[in-house]
């Protein structure tokens, strides 16, 4: 009986983590559409990275290869986008200091 309870709890936890990821995707897209956030901001990529990571963790409960691959894709895109935005912010700050 204990094993069933532990399994049930872990499945519920994984599902809850996946739902948090879904919520972050919706929040990020809503904020982008409402112009509360810009796709040029690193925060956009941080939220997207978090959402994809949480959904990927949630997939451990009921694995789906196609869904996992799209989450891995979004993680990679978010990491590259975040790196590009933070690098360009650093460059623009250095340029402003030299002026």
PDB file of N, CA and C in Angstrom:
ATOM      1  N   UNK A   1       0.814  -1.198   0.000  1.00  0.00           N
ATOM      2  CA  UNK A   1       0.000   0.000   0.000  1.00  0.00           C
ATOM      3  C   UNK A   1       0.855   1.259   0.000  1.00  0.00           C
ATOM      4  N   UNK A   2       1.981   1.224   0.732  1.00  0.00           N
ATOM      5  CA  UNK A   2       2.860   2.381   0.807  1.00  0.00           C
ATOM      6  C   UNK A   2       3.422   2.741  -0.560  1.00  0.00           C
ATOM      7  N   UNK A   3       3.806   1.724  -1.339  1.00  0.00           N
ATOM      8  CA  UNK A   3       4.362   1.979  -2.665  1.00  0.00           C
ATOM      9  C   UNK A   3       3.349   2.665  -3.575  1.00  0.00           C
ATOM     10  N   UNK A   4       2.089   2.251  -3.489  1.00  0.00           N
ATOM     11  CA  UNK A   4       1.057   2.887  -4.303  1.00  0.00           C
ATOM     12  C   UNK A   4       0.903   4.351  -3.915  1.00  0.00           C
ATOM     13  N   UNK A   5       0.902   4.643  -2.618  1.00  0.00           N
ATOM     14  CA  UNK A   5       0.772   6.026  -2.171  1.00  0.00           C
ATOM     15  C   UNK A   5       1.961   6.864  -2.630  1.00  0.00           C
ATOM     16  N   UNK A   6       3.169   6.303  -2.544  1.00  0.00           N
ATOM     17  CA  UNK A   6       4.365   7.026  -2.972  1.00  0.00           C
ATOM     18  C   UNK A   6       4.327   7.274  -4.474  1.00  0.00           C
ATOM     19  N   UNK A   7       3.921   6.281  -5.249  1.00  0.00           N
ATOM     20  CA  UNK A   7       3.820   6.428  -6.694  1.00  0.00           C
ATOM     21  C   UNK A   7       2.761   7.462  -7.057  1.00  0.00           C
ATOM     22  N   UNK A   8       1.626   7.394  -6.385  1.00  0.00           N
ATOM     23  CA  UNK A   8       0.545   8.339  -6.647  1.00  0.00           C
ATOM     24  C   UNK A   8       1.002   9.758  -6.338  1.00  0.00           C
ATOM     25  N   UNK A   9       1.713   9.932  -5.253  1.00  0.00           N
ATOM     26  CA  UNK A   9       2.198  11.255  -4.872  1.00  0.00           C
ATOM     27  C   UNK A   9       3.217  11.782  -5.869  1.00  0.00           C
ATOM     28  N   UNK A  10       4.140  10.929  -6.311  1.00  0.00           N
ATOM     29  CA  UNK A  10       5.145  11.394  -7.261  1.00  0.00           C
ATOM     30  C   UNK A  10       4.509  11.714  -8.606  1.00  0.00           C
ATOM     31  N   UNK A  11       3.515  10.927  -9.028  1.00  0.00           N
ATOM     32  CA  UNK A  11       2.814  11.239 -10.280  1.00  0.00           C
ATOM     33  C   UNK A  11       2.080  12.562 -10.181  1.00  0.00           C
ATOM     34  N   UNK A  12       1.468  12.805  -9.047  1.00  0.00           N
ATOM     35  CA  UNK A  12       0.767  14.081  -8.856  1.00  0.00           C
ATOM     36  C   UNK A  12       1.749  15.245  -8.848  1.00  0.00           C
ATOM     37  N   UNK A  13       2.903  15.050  -8.212  1.00  0.00           N
ATOM     38  CA  UNK A  13       3.918  16.099  -8.169  1.00  0.00           C
ATOM     39  C   UNK A  13       4.436  16.403  -9.574  1.00  0.00           C
ATOM     40  N   UNK A  14       4.721  15.363 -10.349  1.00  0.00           N
ATOM     41  CA  UNK A  14       5.191  15.576 -11.721  1.00  0.00           C
ATOM     42  C   UNK A  14       4.129  16.268 -12.572  1.00  0.00           C
ATOM     43  N   UNK A  15       2.891  15.892 -12.400  1.00  0.00           N
ATOM     44  CA  UNK A  15       1.803  16.552 -13.123  1.00  0.00           C
ATOM     45  C   UNK A  15       1.692  18.017 -12.720  1.00  0.00           C
ATOM     46  N   UNK A  16       1.837  18.285 -11.444  1.00  0.00           N
ATOM     47  CA  UNK A  16       1.760  19.674 -10.958  1.00  0.00           C
ATOM     48  C   UNK A  16       2.908  20.504 -11.530  1.00  0.00           C
ATOM     49  N   UNK A  17       4.101  19.931 -11.592  1.00  0.00           N
ATOM     50  CA  UNK A  17       5.251  20.636 -12.172  1.00  0.00           C
ATOM     51  C   UNK A  17       4.993  20.927 -13.649  1.00  0.00           C
ATOM     52  N   UNK A  18       4.443  19.965 -14.376  1.00  0.00           N
ATOM     53  CA  UNK A  18       4.088  20.186 -15.778  1.00  0.00           C
ATOM     54  C   UNK A  18       3.050  21.277 -15.940  1.00  0.00           C
ATOM     55  N   UNK A  19       2.095  21.344 -15.032  1.00  0.00           N
ATOM     56  CA  UNK A  19       1.067  22.391 -15.095  1.00  0.00           C
ATOM     57  C   UNK A  19       1.663  23.772 -14.807  1.00  0.00           C
ATOM     58  N   UNK A  20       2.645  23.834 -13.930  1.00  0.00           N
ATOM     59  CA  UNK A  20       3.341  25.105 -13.692  1.00  0.00           C
ATOM     60  C   UNK A  20       4.031  25.550 -14.979  1.00  0.00           C
ATOM     61  N   UNK A  21       4.651  24.606 -15.679  1.00  0.00           N
ATOM     62  CA  UNK A  21       5.278  24.930 -16.956  1.00  0.00           C
ATOM     63  C   UNK A  21       4.276  25.458 -17.967  1.00  0.00           C
ATOM     64  N   UNK A  22       3.138  24.793 -18.065  1.00  0.00           N
ATOM     65  CA  UNK A  22       2.071  25.260 -18.948  1.00  0.00           C
ATOM     66  C   UNK A  22       1.661  26.681 -18.581  1.00  0.00           C
ATOM     67  N   UNK A  23       1.491  26.936 -17.290  1.00  0.00           N
ATOM     68  CA  UNK A  23       1.080  28.265 -16.818  1.00  0.00           C
ATOM     69  C   UNK A  23       2.117  29.331 -17.171  1.00  0.00           C
ATOM     70  N   UNK A  24       3.386  28.967 -17.070  1.00  0.00           N
ATOM     71  CA  UNK A  24       4.435  29.915 -17.435  1.00  0.00           C
ATOM     72  C   UNK A  24       4.417  30.235 -18.930  1.00  0.00           C
ATOM     73  N   UNK A  25       4.177  29.225 -19.756  1.00  0.00           N
ATOM     74  CA  UNK A  25       4.041  29.469 -21.200  1.00  0.00           C
ATOM     75  C   UNK A  25       2.902  30.462 -21.469  1.00  0.00           C
ATOM     76  N   UNK A  26       1.763  30.216 -20.854  1.00  0.00           N
ATOM     77  CA  UNK A  26       0.592  31.079 -21.074  1.00  0.00           C
ATOM     78  C   UNK A  26       0.868  32.488 -20.557  1.00  0.00           C
ATOM     79  N   UNK A  27       1.457  32.579 -19.375  1.00  0.00           N
ATOM     80  CA  UNK A  27       1.787  33.884 -18.794  1.00  0.00           C
ATOM     81  C   UNK A  27       2.751  34.650 -19.689  1.00  0.00           C
ATOM     82  N   UNK A  28       3.791  33.982 -20.164  1.00  0.00           N
ATOM     83  CA  UNK A  28       4.793  34.626 -21.005  1.00  0.00           C
ATOM     84  C   UNK A  28       4.180  35.133 -22.309  1.00  0.00           C
ATOM     85  N   UNK A  29       3.381  34.306 -22.945  1.00  0.00           N
ATOM     86  CA  UNK A  29       2.758  34.709 -24.209  1.00  0.00           C
ATOM     87  C   UNK A  29       1.752  35.838 -23.991  1.00  0.00           C
ATOM     88  N   UNK A  30       1.010  35.770 -22.897  1.00  0.00           N
ATOM     89  CA  UNK A  30       0.051  36.836 -22.582  1.00  0.00           C
ATOM     90  C   UNK A  30       0.772  38.152 -22.325  1.00  0.00           C
ATOM     91  N   UNK A  31       1.850  38.109 -21.559  1.00  0.00           N
ATOM     92  CA  UNK A  31       2.615  39.332 -21.291  1.00  0.00           C
ATOM     93  C   UNK A  31       3.239  39.884 -22.562  1.00  0.00           C
ATOM     94  N   UNK A  32       3.690  39.005 -23.445  1.00  0.00           N
ATOM     95  CA  UNK A  32       4.253  39.439 -24.722  1.00  0.00           C
ATOM     96  C   UNK A  32       3.182  40.107 -25.584  1.00  0.00           C
ATOM     97  N   UNK A  33       2.009  39.502 -25.646  1.00  0.00           N
ATOM     98  CA  UNK A  33       0.911  40.046 -26.442  1.00  0.00           C
ATOM     99  C   UNK A  33       0.426  41.383 -25.883  1.00  0.00           C
ATOM    100  N   UNK A  34       0.402  41.508 -24.562  1.00  0.00           N
ATOM    101  CA  UNK A  34      -0.054  42.738 -23.909  1.00  0.00           C
ATOM    102  C   UNK A  34       1.063  43.782 -23.816  1.00  0.00           C
ATOM    103  N   UNK A  35       2.212  43.470 -24.371  1.00  0.00           N
ATOM    104  CA  UNK A  35       3.380  44.360 -24.376  1.00  0.00           C
ATOM    105  C   UNK A  35       3.864  44.717 -22.972  1.00  0.00           C
ATOM    106  N   UNK A  36       3.718  43.778 -22.067  1.00  0.00           N
ATOM    107  CA  UNK A  36       4.258  43.947 -20.710  1.00  0.00           C
ATOM    108  C   UNK A  36       5.686  43.435 -20.650  1.00  0.00           C
ATOM    109  N   UNK A  37       6.061  42.687 -21.670  1.00  0.00           N
ATOM    110  CA  UNK A  37       7.409  42.136 -21.790  1.00  0.00           C
ATOM    111  C   UNK A  37       7.758  42.152 -23.272  1.00  0.00           C
ATOM    112  N   UNK A  38       9.042  42.255 -23.559  1.00  0.00           N
ATOM    113  CA  UNK A  38       9.507  42.265 -24.943  1.00  0.00           C
ATOM    114  C   UNK A  38      10.331  41.008 -25.211  1.00  0.00           C
ATOM    115  N   UNK A  39      10.280  40.536 -26.427  1.00  0.00           N
ATOM    116  CA  UNK A  39      11.078  39.368 -26.804  1.00  0.00           C
ATOM    117  C   UNK A  39      12.561  39.716 -26.875  1.00  0.00           C
ATOM    118  N   UNK A  40      12.886  40.990 -26.731  1.00  0.00           N
ATOM    119  CA  UNK A  40      14.288  41.416 -26.689  1.00  0.00           C
ATOM    120  C   UNK A  40      14.851  41.373 -25.274  1.00  0.00           C
ATOM    121  N   UNK A  41      13.992  41.159 -24.283  1.00  0.00           N
ATOM    122  CA  UNK A  41      14.447  41.121 -22.898  1.00  0.00           C
ATOM    123  C   UNK A  41      14.888  39.714 -22.504  1.00  0.00           C
ATOM    124  N   UNK A  42      15.953  39.604 -21.737  1.00  0.00           N
ATOM    125  CA  UNK A  42      16.375  38.283 -21.248  1.00  0.00           C
ATOM    126  C   UNK A  42      15.284  37.591 -20.420  1.00  0.00           C
ATOM    127  N   UNK A  43      14.453  38.372 -19.722  1.00  0.00           N
ATOM    128  CA  UNK A  43      13.386  37.784 -18.903  1.00  0.00           C
ATOM    129  C   UNK A  43      12.455  36.906 -19.730  1.00  0.00           C
ATOM    130  N   UNK A  44      12.166  37.302 -20.959  1.00  0.00           N
ATOM    131  CA  UNK A  44      11.316  36.513 -21.844  1.00  0.00           C
ATOM    132  C   UNK A  44      11.893  35.110 -22.013  1.00  0.00           C
ATOM    133  N   UNK A  45      13.201  35.028 -22.217  1.00  0.00           N
ATOM    134  CA  UNK A  45      13.852  33.737 -22.440  1.00  0.00           C
ATOM    135  C   UNK A  45      13.976  32.936 -21.149  1.00  0.00           C
ATOM    136  N   UNK A  46      14.136  33.632 -20.027  1.00  0.00           N
ATOM    137  CA  UNK A  46      14.189  32.944 -18.733  1.00  0.00           C
ATOM    138  C   UNK A  46      12.851  32.271 -18.438  1.00  0.00           C
ATOM    139  N   UNK A  47      11.763  32.983 -18.679  1.00  0.00           N
ATOM    140  CA  UNK A  47      10.431  32.400 -18.445  1.00  0.00           C
ATOM    141  C   UNK A  47      10.192  31.237 -19.401  1.00  0.00           C
ATOM    142  N   UNK A  48      10.575  31.401 -20.660  1.00  0.00           N
ATOM    143  CA  UNK A  48      10.396  30.327 -21.649  1.00  0.00           C
ATOM    144  C   UNK A  48      11.225  29.103 -21.277  1.00  0.00           C
ATOM    145  N   UNK A  49      12.452  29.334 -20.837  1.00  0.00           N
ATOM    146  CA  UNK A  49      13.326  28.243 -20.406  1.00  0.00           C
ATOM    147  C   UNK A  49      12.730  27.510 -19.211  1.00  0.00           C
ATOM    148  N   UNK A  50      12.214  28.261 -18.261  1.00  0.00           N
ATOM    149  CA  UNK A  50      11.587  27.656 -17.079  1.00  0.00           C
ATOM    150  C   UNK A  50      10.362  26.844 -17.475  1.00  0.00           C
ATOM    151  N   UNK A  51       9.536  27.410 -18.336  1.00  0.00           N
ATOM    152  CA  UNK A  51       8.318  26.722 -18.775  1.00  0.00           C
ATOM    153  C   UNK A  51       8.667  25.396 -19.456  1.00  0.00           C
ATOM    154  N   UNK A  52       9.598  25.441 -20.388  1.00  0.00           N
ATOM    155  CA  UNK A  52       9.977  24.218 -21.113  1.00  0.00           C
ATOM    156  C   UNK A  52      10.578  23.181 -20.169  1.00  0.00           C
ATOM    157  N   UNK A  53      11.388  23.628 -19.228  1.00  0.00           N
ATOM    158  CA  UNK A  53      12.004  22.701 -18.274  1.00  0.00           C
ATOM    159  C   UNK A  53      10.950  22.044 -17.392  1.00  0.00           C
ATOM    160  N   UNK A  54       9.996  22.825 -16.914  1.00  0.00           N
ATOM    161  CA  UNK A  54       8.937  22.266 -16.065  1.00  0.00           C
ATOM    162  C   UNK A  54       8.053  21.298 -16.830  1.00  0.00           C
ATOM    163  N   UNK A  55       7.709  21.637 -18.066  1.00  0.00           N
ATOM    164  CA  UNK A  55       6.891  20.721 -18.865  1.00  0.00           C
ATOM    165  C   UNK A  55       7.669  19.430 -19.139  1.00  0.00           C
ATOM    166  N   UNK A  56       8.962  19.551 -19.422  1.00  0.00           N
ATOM    167  CA  UNK A  56       9.787  18.362 -19.660  1.00  0.00           C
ATOM    168  C   UNK A  56       9.837  17.470 -18.415  1.00  0.00           C
ATOM    169  N   UNK A  57       9.961  18.073 -17.251  1.00  0.00           N
ATOM    170  CA  UNK A  57       9.927  17.299 -16.007  1.00  0.00           C
ATOM    171  C   UNK A  57       8.556  16.636 -15.848  1.00  0.00           C
ATOM    172  N   UNK A  58       7.497  17.367 -16.160  1.00  0.00           N
ATOM    173  CA  UNK A  58       6.144  16.814 -16.074  1.00  0.00           C
ATOM    174  C   UNK A  58       5.938  15.628 -16.996  1.00  0.00           C
ATOM    175  N   UNK A  59       6.679  15.597 -18.099  1.00  0.00           N
ATOM    176  CA  UNK A  59       6.548  14.487 -19.046  1.00  0.00           C
ATOM    177  C   UNK A  59       7.106  13.176 -18.498  1.00  0.00           C
ATOM    178  N   UNK A  60       7.863  13.236 -17.424  1.00  0.00           N
ATOM    179  CA  UNK A  60       8.356  12.002 -16.812  1.00  0.00           C
ATOM    180  C   UNK A  60       7.205  11.157 -16.292  1.00  0.00           C
ATOM    181  N   UNK A  61       6.092  11.815 -16.030  1.00  0.00           N
ATOM    182  CA  UNK A  61       4.888  11.130 -15.561  1.00  0.00           C
ATOM    183  C   UNK A  61       4.241  10.309 -16.674  1.00  0.00           C
ATOM    184  N   UNK A  62       4.152  10.882 -17.844  1.00  0.00           N
ATOM    185  CA  UNK A  62       3.561  10.203 -19.004  1.00  0.00           C
ATOM    186  C   UNK A  62       4.377  10.627 -20.223  1.00  0.00           C
ATOM    187  N   UNK A  63       5.469   9.914 -20.476  1.00  0.00           N
ATOM    188  CA  UNK A  63       6.421  10.337 -21.503  1.00  0.00           C
ATOM    189  C   UNK A  63       5.806  10.301 -22.897  1.00  0.00           C
ATOM    190  N   UNK A  64       6.160  11.322 -23.672  1.00  0.00           N
ATOM    191  CA  UNK A  64       5.754  11.433 -25.069  1.00  0.00           C
ATOM    192  C   UNK A  64       6.964  11.996 -25.802  1.00  0.00           C
ATOM    193  N   UNK A  65       7.549  11.231 -26.710  1.00  0.00           N
ATOM    194  CA  UNK A  65       8.788  11.628 -27.367  1.00  0.00           C
ATOM    195  C   UNK A  65       8.651  12.955 -28.111  1.00  0.00           C
ATOM    196  N   UNK A  66       7.584  13.119 -28.868  1.00  0.00           N
ATOM    197  CA  UNK A  66       7.400  14.351 -29.638  1.00  0.00           C
ATOM    198  C   UNK A  66       7.312  15.563 -28.709  1.00  0.00           C
ATOM    199  N   UNK A  67       6.563  15.433 -27.628  1.00  0.00           N
ATOM    200  CA  UNK A  67       6.441  16.538 -26.677  1.00  0.00           C
ATOM    201  C   UNK A  67       7.782  16.818 -26.001  1.00  0.00           C
ATOM    202  N   UNK A  68       8.529  15.771 -25.682  1.00  0.00           N
ATOM    203  CA  UNK A  68       9.839  15.955 -25.052  1.00  0.00           C
ATOM    204  C   UNK A  68      10.806  16.653 -26.008  1.00  0.00           C
ATOM    205  N   UNK A  69      10.780  16.280 -27.281  1.00  0.00           N
ATOM    206  CA  UNK A  69      11.673  16.900 -28.256  1.00  0.00           C
ATOM    207  C   UNK A  69      11.365  18.381 -28.442  1.00  0.00           C
ATOM    208  N   UNK A  70      10.101  18.755 -28.465  1.00  0.00           N
ATOM    209  CA  UNK A  70       9.760  20.169 -28.621  1.00  0.00           C
ATOM    210  C   UNK A  70      10.185  20.961 -27.389  1.00  0.00           C
ATOM    211  N   UNK A  71      10.121  20.342 -26.205  1.00  0.00           N
ATOM    212  CA  UNK A  71      10.579  21.032 -24.993  1.00  0.00           C
ATOM    213  C   UNK A  71      12.098  21.205 -25.014  1.00  0.00           C
ATOM    214  N   UNK A  72      12.817  20.194 -25.479  1.00  0.00           N
ATOM    215  CA  UNK A  72      14.271  20.303 -25.600  1.00  0.00           C
ATOM    216  C   UNK A  72      14.627  21.405 -26.604  1.00  0.00           C
ATOM    217  N   UNK A  73      13.878  21.478 -27.702  1.00  0.00           N
ATOM    218  CA  UNK A  73      14.074  22.543 -28.683  1.00  0.00           C
ATOM    219  C   UNK A  73      13.897  23.910 -28.032  1.00  0.00           C
ATOM    220  N   UNK A  74      12.805  24.103 -27.264  1.00  0.00           N
ATOM    221  CA  UNK A  74      12.549  25.394 -26.621  1.00  0.00           C
ATOM    222  C   UNK A  74      13.609  25.720 -25.578  1.00  0.00           C
ATOM    223  N   UNK A  75      14.119  24.718 -24.895  1.00  0.00           N
ATOM    224  CA  UNK A  75      15.201  24.943 -23.932  1.00  0.00           C
ATOM    225  C   UNK A  75      16.437  25.464 -24.669  1.00  0.00           C
ATOM    226  N   UNK A  76      16.791  24.821 -25.780  1.00  0.00           N
ATOM    227  CA  UNK A  76      17.960  25.252 -26.561  1.00  0.00           C
ATOM    228  C   UNK A  76      17.782  26.662 -27.119  1.00  0.00           C
ATOM    229  N   UNK A  77      16.632  26.940 -27.698  1.00  0.00           N
ATOM    230  CA  UNK A  77      16.362  28.266 -28.254  1.00  0.00           C
ATOM    231  C   UNK A  77      16.410  29.321 -27.150  1.00  0.00           C
ATOM    232  N   UNK A  78      15.849  29.011 -26.003  1.00  0.00           N
ATOM    233  CA  UNK A  78      15.837  29.963 -24.892  1.00  0.00           C
ATOM    234  C   UNK A  78      17.242  30.243 -24.383  1.00  0.00           C
ATOM    235  N   UNK A  79      18.067  29.207 -24.287  1.00  0.00           N
ATOM    236  CA  UNK A  79      19.450  29.405 -23.840  1.00  0.00           C
ATOM    237  C   UNK A  79      20.235  30.272 -24.821  1.00  0.00           C
ATOM    238  N   UNK A  80      20.069  30.002 -26.104  1.00  0.00           N
ATOM    239  CA  UNK A  80      20.761  30.799 -27.133  1.00  0.00           C
ATOM    240  C   UNK A  80      20.244  32.237 -27.115  1.00  0.00           C
ATOM    241  N   UNK A  81      18.939  32.410 -27.057  1.00  0.00           N
ATOM    242  CA  UNK A  81      18.353  33.753 -27.021  1.00  0.00           C
ATOM    243  C   UNK A  81      18.792  34.534 -25.799  1.00  0.00           C
ATOM    244  N   UNK A  82      18.812  33.870 -24.645  1.00  0.00           N
ATOM    245  CA  UNK A  82      19.249  34.532 -23.421  1.00  0.00           C
ATOM    246  C   UNK A  82      20.712  34.956 -23.539  1.00  0.00           C
ATOM    247  N   UNK A  83      21.554  34.068 -24.051  1.00  0.00           N
ATOM    248  CA  UNK A  83      22.975  34.392 -24.215  1.00  0.00           C
ATOM    249  C   UNK A  83      23.165  35.555 -25.175  1.00  0.00           C
ATOM    250  N   UNK A  84      22.423  35.556 -26.264  1.00  0.00           N
ATOM    251  CA  UNK A  84      22.539  36.645 -27.242  1.00  0.00           C
ATOM    252  C   UNK A  84      22.088  37.975 -26.645  1.00  0.00           C
ATOM    253  N   UNK A  85      20.986  37.955 -25.899  1.00  0.00           N
ATOM    254  CA  UNK A  85      20.465  39.205 -25.323  1.00  0.00           C
ATOM    255  C   UNK A  85      21.384  39.746 -24.231  1.00  0.00           C
ATOM    256  N   UNK A  86      21.898  38.868 -23.395  1.00  0.00           N
ATOM    257  CA  UNK A  86      22.775  39.343 -22.327  1.00  0.00           C
ATOM    258  C   UNK A  86      24.117  39.811 -22.894  1.00  0.00           C
ATOM    259  N   UNK A  87      24.586  39.170 -23.945  1.00  0.00           N
ATOM    260  CA  UNK A  87      25.827  39.610 -24.596  1.00  0.00           C
ATOM    261  C   UNK A  87      25.630  40.969 -25.246  1.00  0.00           C
ATOM    262  N   UNK A  88      24.508  41.163 -25.939  1.00  0.00           N
ATOM    263  CA  UNK A  88      24.262  42.442 -26.613  1.00  0.00           C
ATOM    264  C   UNK A  88      24.015  43.551 -25.595  1.00  0.00           C
ATOM    265  N   UNK A  89      23.409  43.239 -24.442  1.00  0.00           N
ATOM    266  CA  UNK A  89      23.222  44.246 -23.399  1.00  0.00           C
ATOM    267  C   UNK A  89      24.564  44.677 -22.838  1.00  0.00           C
ATOM    268  N   UNK A  90      25.448  43.725 -22.636  1.00  0.00           N
ATOM    269  CA  UNK A  90      26.784  44.045 -22.138  1.00  0.00           C
ATOM    270  C   UNK A  90      27.549  44.902 -23.117  1.00  0.00           C
ATOM    271  N   UNK A  91      27.423  44.600 -24.409  1.00  0.00           N
ATOM    272  CA  UNK A  91      28.093  45.372 -25.447  1.00  0.00           C
ATOM    273  C   UNK A  91      27.535  46.786 -25.515  1.00  0.00           C
ATOM    274  N   UNK A  92      26.217  46.933 -25.432  1.00  0.00           N
ATOM    275  CA  UNK A  92      25.621  48.266 -25.513  1.00  0.00           C
ATOM    276  C   UNK A  92      25.967  49.097 -24.289  1.00  0.00           C
ATOM    277  N   UNK A  93      26.092  48.479 -23.125  1.00  0.00           N
ATOM    278  CA  UNK A  93      26.480  49.209 -21.917  1.00  0.00           C
ATOM    279  C   UNK A  93      27.923  49.704 -22.023  1.00  0.00           C
ATOM    280  N   UNK A  94      28.810  48.866 -22.586  1.00  0.00           N
ATOM    281  CA  UNK A  94      30.203  49.278 -22.776  1.00  0.00           C
ATOM    282  C   UNK A  94      30.276  50.428 -23.764  1.00  0.00           C
ATOM    283  N   UNK A  95      29.472  50.375 -24.829  1.00  0.00           N
ATOM    284  CA  UNK A  95      29.450  51.431 -25.834  1.00  0.00           C
ATOM    285  C   UNK A  95      28.989  52.742 -25.218  1.00  0.00           C
ATOM    286  N   UNK A  96      27.948  52.691 -24.379  1.00  0.00           N
ATOM    287  CA  UNK A  96      27.446  53.898 -23.740  1.00  0.00           C
ATOM    288  C   UNK A  96      28.485  54.499 -22.790  1.00  0.00           C
ATOM    289  N   UNK A  97      29.249  53.666 -22.099  1.00  0.00           N
ATOM    290  CA  UNK A  97      30.269  54.167 -21.186  1.00  0.00           C
ATOM    291  C   UNK A  97      31.408  54.848 -21.913  1.00  0.00           C
ATOM    292  N   UNK A  98      31.716  54.407 -23.134  1.00  0.00           N
ATOM    293  CA  UNK A  98      32.824  55.005 -23.876  1.00  0.00           C
ATOM    294  C   UNK A  98      32.424  56.316 -24.540  1.00  0.00           C
ATOM    295  N   UNK A  99      31.131  56.587 -24.667  1.00  0.00           N
ATOM    296  CA  UNK A  99      30.689  57.823 -25.310  1.00  0.00           C
ATOM    297  C   UNK A  99      30.849  58.998 -24.437  1.00  0.00           C
TER     298      UNK A  99
END
